[in-house]
Amino acid sequence: MPTYLIEVRHESTPDACVRALNALDRHGSHFVTHADFGCADGAHCGWLTVDVDSRDAAERIVPPEFRAMTRVVELRKFTREEIHVLMKQQQEVGVTARNAT
């Protein structure tokens, strides 16, 4: 099952923070109780990592009034072997590109 990072932004005023938290709590306390917020450090966002079936399912976790201010990113961990394969592929592309010029 894919993992998604949900980032919900809101305006940078104390009132906006309270309104955002209240709206998220009304939509379902799961977001508020499981998200991390950066408001105290000037980053007016909430971040939540979820394992759901699709990007659409991740987006539906966010209340409709915040979806326009939301970014959903699919997260992936790479194994060392995958990194080595990607590096080798990149090197081969670089050699091919140099030979073509």
N, C-alpha and C. Protein backbone atom coordinates (compact mmCIF):
# COMPACT_ATOMS: atom_id res chain seq x y z
N MET A 1 0.86 -1.18 0.00
CA MET A 1 0.00 0.00 0.00
C MET A 1 0.91 1.24 0.00
N PRO A 2 0.61 2.21 -0.86
CA PRO A 2 1.44 3.41 -0.92
C PRO A 2 1.33 4.27 0.34
N THR A 3 2.40 5.01 0.60
CA THR A 3 2.43 5.96 1.71
C THR A 3 2.42 7.36 1.12
N TYR A 4 1.61 8.24 1.69
CA TYR A 4 1.51 9.61 1.21
C TYR A 4 1.76 10.58 2.36
N LEU A 5 2.43 11.68 2.01
CA LEU A 5 2.58 12.81 2.93
C LEU A 5 1.53 13.83 2.51
N ILE A 6 0.69 14.22 3.46
CA ILE A 6 -0.33 15.24 3.22
C ILE A 6 0.13 16.51 3.91
N GLU A 7 0.28 17.57 3.15
CA GLU A 7 0.68 18.87 3.70
C GLU A 7 -0.47 19.84 3.50
N VAL A 8 -1.02 20.32 4.61
CA VAL A 8 -2.13 21.27 4.55
C VAL A 8 -1.64 22.62 5.06
N ARG A 9 -1.67 23.62 4.17
CA ARG A 9 -1.24 24.97 4.55
C ARG A 9 -2.45 25.81 4.95
N HIS A 10 -2.18 26.84 5.76
CA HIS A 10 -3.21 27.82 6.09
C HIS A 10 -2.54 29.17 6.29
N GLU A 11 -3.34 30.19 6.39
CA GLU A 11 -2.80 31.55 6.55
C GLU A 11 -1.97 31.64 7.83
N SER A 12 -1.10 32.64 7.85
CA SER A 12 -0.13 32.74 8.95
C SER A 12 -0.55 33.73 10.03
N THR A 13 -1.78 33.61 10.49
CA THR A 13 -2.23 34.43 11.61
C THR A 13 -2.69 33.49 12.72
N PRO A 14 -2.62 33.93 13.98
CA PRO A 14 -3.09 33.06 15.07
C PRO A 14 -4.54 32.63 14.89
N ASP A 15 -5.38 33.55 14.41
CA ASP A 15 -6.79 33.22 14.18
C ASP A 15 -6.93 32.14 13.12
N ALA A 16 -6.12 32.22 12.07
CA ALA A 16 -6.18 31.22 11.00
C ALA A 16 -5.75 29.85 11.51
N CYS A 17 -4.76 29.83 12.40
CA CYS A 17 -4.32 28.56 12.99
C CYS A 17 -5.48 27.90 13.74
N VAL A 18 -6.15 28.66 14.56
CA VAL A 18 -7.26 28.12 15.34
C VAL A 18 -8.39 27.65 14.43
N ARG A 19 -8.72 28.47 13.40
CA ARG A 19 -9.78 28.08 12.45
C ARG A 19 -9.40 26.79 11.73
N ALA A 20 -8.15 26.68 11.31
CA ALA A 20 -7.70 25.48 10.60
C ALA A 20 -7.78 24.25 11.50
N LEU A 21 -7.28 24.36 12.72
CA LEU A 21 -7.34 23.24 13.64
C LEU A 21 -8.78 22.84 13.94
N ASN A 22 -9.64 23.82 14.12
CA ASN A 22 -11.05 23.55 14.40
C ASN A 22 -11.70 22.83 13.22
N ALA A 23 -11.45 23.31 12.00
CA ALA A 23 -12.04 22.68 10.80
C ALA A 23 -11.51 21.26 10.63
N LEU A 24 -10.22 21.06 10.83
CA LEU A 24 -9.66 19.72 10.70
C LEU A 24 -10.24 18.79 11.76
N ASP A 25 -10.42 19.30 12.97
CA ASP A 25 -10.99 18.49 14.05
C ASP A 25 -12.44 18.13 13.75
N ARG A 26 -13.21 19.08 13.21
CA ARG A 26 -14.61 18.81 12.87
C ARG A 26 -14.71 17.75 11.78
N HIS A 27 -13.76 17.77 10.84
CA HIS A 27 -13.79 16.82 9.73
C HIS A 27 -13.48 15.40 10.21
N GLY A 28 -12.76 15.30 11.28
CA GLY A 28 -12.39 14.01 11.84
C GLY A 28 -11.14 14.19 12.66
N SER A 29 -11.19 13.81 13.89
CA SER A 29 -10.08 14.10 14.79
C SER A 29 -8.80 13.39 14.40
N HIS A 30 -8.86 12.41 13.52
CA HIS A 30 -7.68 11.66 13.13
C HIS A 30 -6.58 12.59 12.61
N PHE A 31 -6.96 13.57 11.79
CA PHE A 31 -5.95 14.47 11.24
C PHE A 31 -5.27 15.24 12.37
N VAL A 32 -6.05 15.84 13.22
CA VAL A 32 -5.48 16.68 14.29
C VAL A 32 -4.65 15.85 15.26
N THR A 33 -5.11 14.66 15.60
CA THR A 33 -4.39 13.87 16.61
C THR A 33 -3.16 13.15 16.05
N HIS A 34 -3.07 13.01 14.72
CA HIS A 34 -1.94 12.30 14.13
C HIS A 34 -1.02 13.19 13.30
N ALA A 35 -1.39 14.42 13.09
CA ALA A 35 -0.57 15.32 12.27
C ALA A 35 0.44 16.07 13.12
N ASP A 36 1.46 16.53 12.47
CA ASP A 36 2.44 17.43 13.09
C ASP A 36 2.23 18.80 12.48
N PHE A 37 2.29 19.83 13.32
CA PHE A 37 2.06 21.20 12.87
C PHE A 37 3.29 22.05 13.12
N GLY A 38 3.56 22.98 12.22
CA GLY A 38 4.73 23.85 12.34
C GLY A 38 4.40 25.27 12.71
N CYS A 39 3.17 25.55 13.11
CA CYS A 39 2.72 26.92 13.39
C CYS A 39 3.59 27.63 14.43
N ALA A 40 3.99 26.93 15.46
CA ALA A 40 4.77 27.55 16.53
C ALA A 40 6.14 28.02 16.04
N ASP A 41 6.58 27.48 14.90
CA ASP A 41 7.88 27.86 14.35
C ASP A 41 7.74 28.69 13.06
N GLY A 42 6.52 29.17 12.81
CA GLY A 42 6.29 30.02 11.65
C GLY A 42 5.97 29.29 10.36
N ALA A 43 5.93 27.99 10.37
CA ALA A 43 5.55 27.20 9.19
C ALA A 43 4.09 26.79 9.38
N HIS A 44 3.20 27.52 8.76
CA HIS A 44 1.77 27.33 9.00
C HIS A 44 1.22 26.22 8.12
N CYS A 45 1.61 25.00 8.52
CA CYS A 45 1.21 23.79 7.83
C CYS A 45 0.99 22.69 8.84
N GLY A 46 0.21 21.71 8.41
CA GLY A 46 0.08 20.46 9.14
C GLY A 46 0.54 19.36 8.21
N TRP A 47 1.27 18.38 8.74
CA TRP A 47 1.76 17.26 7.94
C TRP A 47 1.27 15.96 8.54
N LEU A 48 0.77 15.11 7.67
CA LEU A 48 0.26 13.82 8.09
C LEU A 48 0.76 12.78 7.10
N THR A 49 1.27 11.67 7.60
CA THR A 49 1.70 10.57 6.75
C THR A 49 0.68 9.45 6.89
N VAL A 50 0.18 8.97 5.74
CA VAL A 50 -0.86 7.94 5.75
C VAL A 50 -0.54 6.83 4.76
N ASP A 51 -0.99 5.65 5.07
CA ASP A 51 -0.93 4.52 4.15
C ASP A 51 -2.35 4.28 3.65
N VAL A 52 -2.59 4.64 2.40
CA VAL A 52 -3.91 4.47 1.78
C VAL A 52 -3.73 3.94 0.37
N ASP A 53 -4.82 3.52 -0.24
CA ASP A 53 -4.76 2.87 -1.55
C ASP A 53 -4.40 3.79 -2.71
N SER A 54 -4.69 5.10 -2.58
CA SER A 54 -4.49 5.98 -3.73
C SER A 54 -4.30 7.42 -3.30
N ARG A 55 -3.82 8.24 -4.24
CA ARG A 55 -3.70 9.68 -4.00
C ARG A 55 -5.08 10.28 -3.71
N ASP A 56 -6.10 9.83 -4.43
CA ASP A 56 -7.47 10.33 -4.19
C ASP A 56 -7.91 10.06 -2.76
N ALA A 57 -7.60 8.87 -2.26
CA ALA A 57 -7.97 8.53 -0.88
C ALA A 57 -7.25 9.45 0.10
N ALA A 58 -5.99 9.77 -0.19
CA ALA A 58 -5.23 10.68 0.68
C ALA A 58 -5.84 12.07 0.64
N GLU A 59 -6.22 12.54 -0.54
CA GLU A 59 -6.81 13.88 -0.67
C GLU A 59 -8.14 13.97 0.06
N ARG A 60 -8.91 12.88 0.07
CA ARG A 60 -10.22 12.89 0.73
C ARG A 60 -10.11 12.99 2.25
N ILE A 61 -8.94 12.75 2.80
CA ILE A 61 -8.75 12.88 4.25
C ILE A 61 -8.85 14.35 4.66
N VAL A 62 -8.54 15.24 3.74
CA VAL A 62 -8.50 16.69 4.02
C VAL A 62 -9.89 17.28 3.83
N PRO A 63 -10.33 18.15 4.75
CA PRO A 63 -11.64 18.81 4.56
C PRO A 63 -11.66 19.57 3.24
N PRO A 64 -12.81 19.57 2.55
CA PRO A 64 -12.90 20.21 1.24
C PRO A 64 -12.39 21.65 1.20
N GLU A 65 -12.62 22.42 2.27
CA GLU A 65 -12.21 23.82 2.25
C GLU A 65 -10.69 24.01 2.29
N PHE A 66 -9.94 22.94 2.56
CA PHE A 66 -8.48 23.04 2.60
C PHE A 66 -7.80 22.33 1.43
N ARG A 67 -8.54 21.66 0.58
CA ARG A 67 -7.93 20.88 -0.50
C ARG A 67 -7.15 21.73 -1.49
N ALA A 68 -7.58 22.95 -1.71
CA ALA A 68 -6.85 23.82 -2.64
C ALA A 68 -5.49 24.23 -2.07
N MET A 69 -5.34 24.15 -0.76
CA MET A 69 -4.10 24.53 -0.09
C MET A 69 -3.32 23.29 0.37
N THR A 70 -3.60 22.16 -0.25
CA THR A 70 -3.02 20.89 0.17
C THR A 70 -2.13 20.32 -0.92
N ARG A 71 -1.03 19.75 -0.47
CA ARG A 71 -0.13 19.04 -1.37
C ARG A 71 -0.05 17.61 -0.88
N VAL A 72 -0.23 16.65 -1.79
CA VAL A 72 -0.13 15.24 -1.45
C VAL A 72 1.06 14.67 -2.23
N VAL A 73 1.98 14.05 -1.51
CA VAL A 73 3.19 13.52 -2.11
C VAL A 73 3.30 12.03 -1.79
N GLU A 74 3.45 11.21 -2.83
CA GLU A 74 3.68 9.79 -2.58
C GLU A 74 5.13 9.62 -2.14
N LEU A 75 5.31 8.92 -1.04
CA LEU A 75 6.65 8.70 -0.49
C LEU A 75 7.15 7.30 -0.84
N ARG A 76 8.44 7.21 -1.00
CA ARG A 76 9.03 5.91 -1.32
C ARG A 76 10.42 5.83 -0.72
N LYS A 77 10.72 4.70 -0.14
CA LYS A 77 12.07 4.43 0.34
C LYS A 77 12.80 3.63 -0.74
N PHE A 78 14.09 3.93 -0.90
CA PHE A 78 14.91 3.19 -1.85
C PHE A 78 15.84 2.26 -1.09
N THR A 79 16.05 1.08 -1.65
CA THR A 79 17.06 0.18 -1.10
C THR A 79 18.42 0.61 -1.66
N ARG A 80 19.46 0.18 -1.02
CA ARG A 80 20.81 0.49 -1.52
C ARG A 80 20.99 -0.08 -2.92
N GLU A 81 20.44 -1.27 -3.15
CA GLU A 81 20.56 -1.89 -4.47
C GLU A 81 19.87 -1.04 -5.53
N GLU A 82 18.69 -0.52 -5.22
CA GLU A 82 17.97 0.34 -6.18
C GLU A 82 18.77 1.61 -6.48
N ILE A 83 19.40 2.16 -5.46
CA ILE A 83 20.20 3.36 -5.65
C ILE A 83 21.37 3.06 -6.59
N HIS A 84 22.01 1.93 -6.40
CA HIS A 84 23.15 1.56 -7.25
C HIS A 84 22.70 1.36 -8.70
N VAL A 85 21.54 0.73 -8.89
CA VAL A 85 21.01 0.54 -10.25
C VAL A 85 20.72 1.90 -10.89
N LEU A 86 20.09 2.80 -10.15
CA LEU A 86 19.79 4.13 -10.68
C LEU A 86 21.07 4.89 -11.03
N MET A 87 22.08 4.78 -10.19
CA MET A 87 23.35 5.45 -10.47
C MET A 87 24.00 4.89 -11.73
N LYS A 88 23.96 3.58 -11.89
CA LYS A 88 24.53 2.95 -13.08
C LYS A 88 23.77 3.38 -14.33
N GLN A 89 22.45 3.42 -14.25
CA GLN A 89 21.64 3.87 -15.39
C GLN A 89 21.97 5.31 -15.75
N GLN A 90 22.13 6.15 -14.75
CA GLN A 90 22.44 7.55 -14.99
C GLN A 90 23.81 7.70 -15.65
N GLN A 91 24.77 6.91 -15.20
CA GLN A 91 26.10 6.94 -15.79
C GLN A 91 26.05 6.50 -17.25
N GLU A 92 25.25 5.46 -17.54
CA GLU A 92 25.12 4.98 -18.91
C GLU A 92 24.47 6.03 -19.80
N VAL A 93 23.48 6.75 -19.28
CA VAL A 93 22.83 7.82 -20.04
C VAL A 93 23.82 8.92 -20.33
N GLY A 94 24.65 9.26 -19.33
CA GLY A 94 25.66 10.30 -19.51
C GLY A 94 26.68 9.92 -20.56
N VAL A 95 27.11 8.67 -20.57
CA VAL A 95 28.08 8.20 -21.57
C VAL A 95 27.45 8.23 -22.95
N THR A 96 26.22 7.78 -23.07
CA THR A 96 25.52 7.80 -24.35
C THR A 96 25.36 9.21 -24.86
N ALA A 97 25.01 10.14 -23.99
CA ALA A 97 24.82 11.54 -24.39
C ALA A 97 26.15 12.14 -24.85
N ARG A 98 27.23 11.84 -24.14
CA ARG A 98 28.54 12.38 -24.54
C ARG A 98 28.99 11.80 -25.88
N ASN A 99 28.70 10.53 -26.12
CA ASN A 99 29.09 9.90 -27.38
C ASN A 99 28.26 10.40 -28.56
N ALA A 100 27.08 10.90 -28.29
CA ALA A 100 26.20 11.40 -29.36
C ALA A 100 26.63 12.78 -29.84
N THR A 101 27.43 13.50 -29.05
CA THR A 101 27.85 14.84 -29.45
C THR A 101 29.15 14.86 -30.18
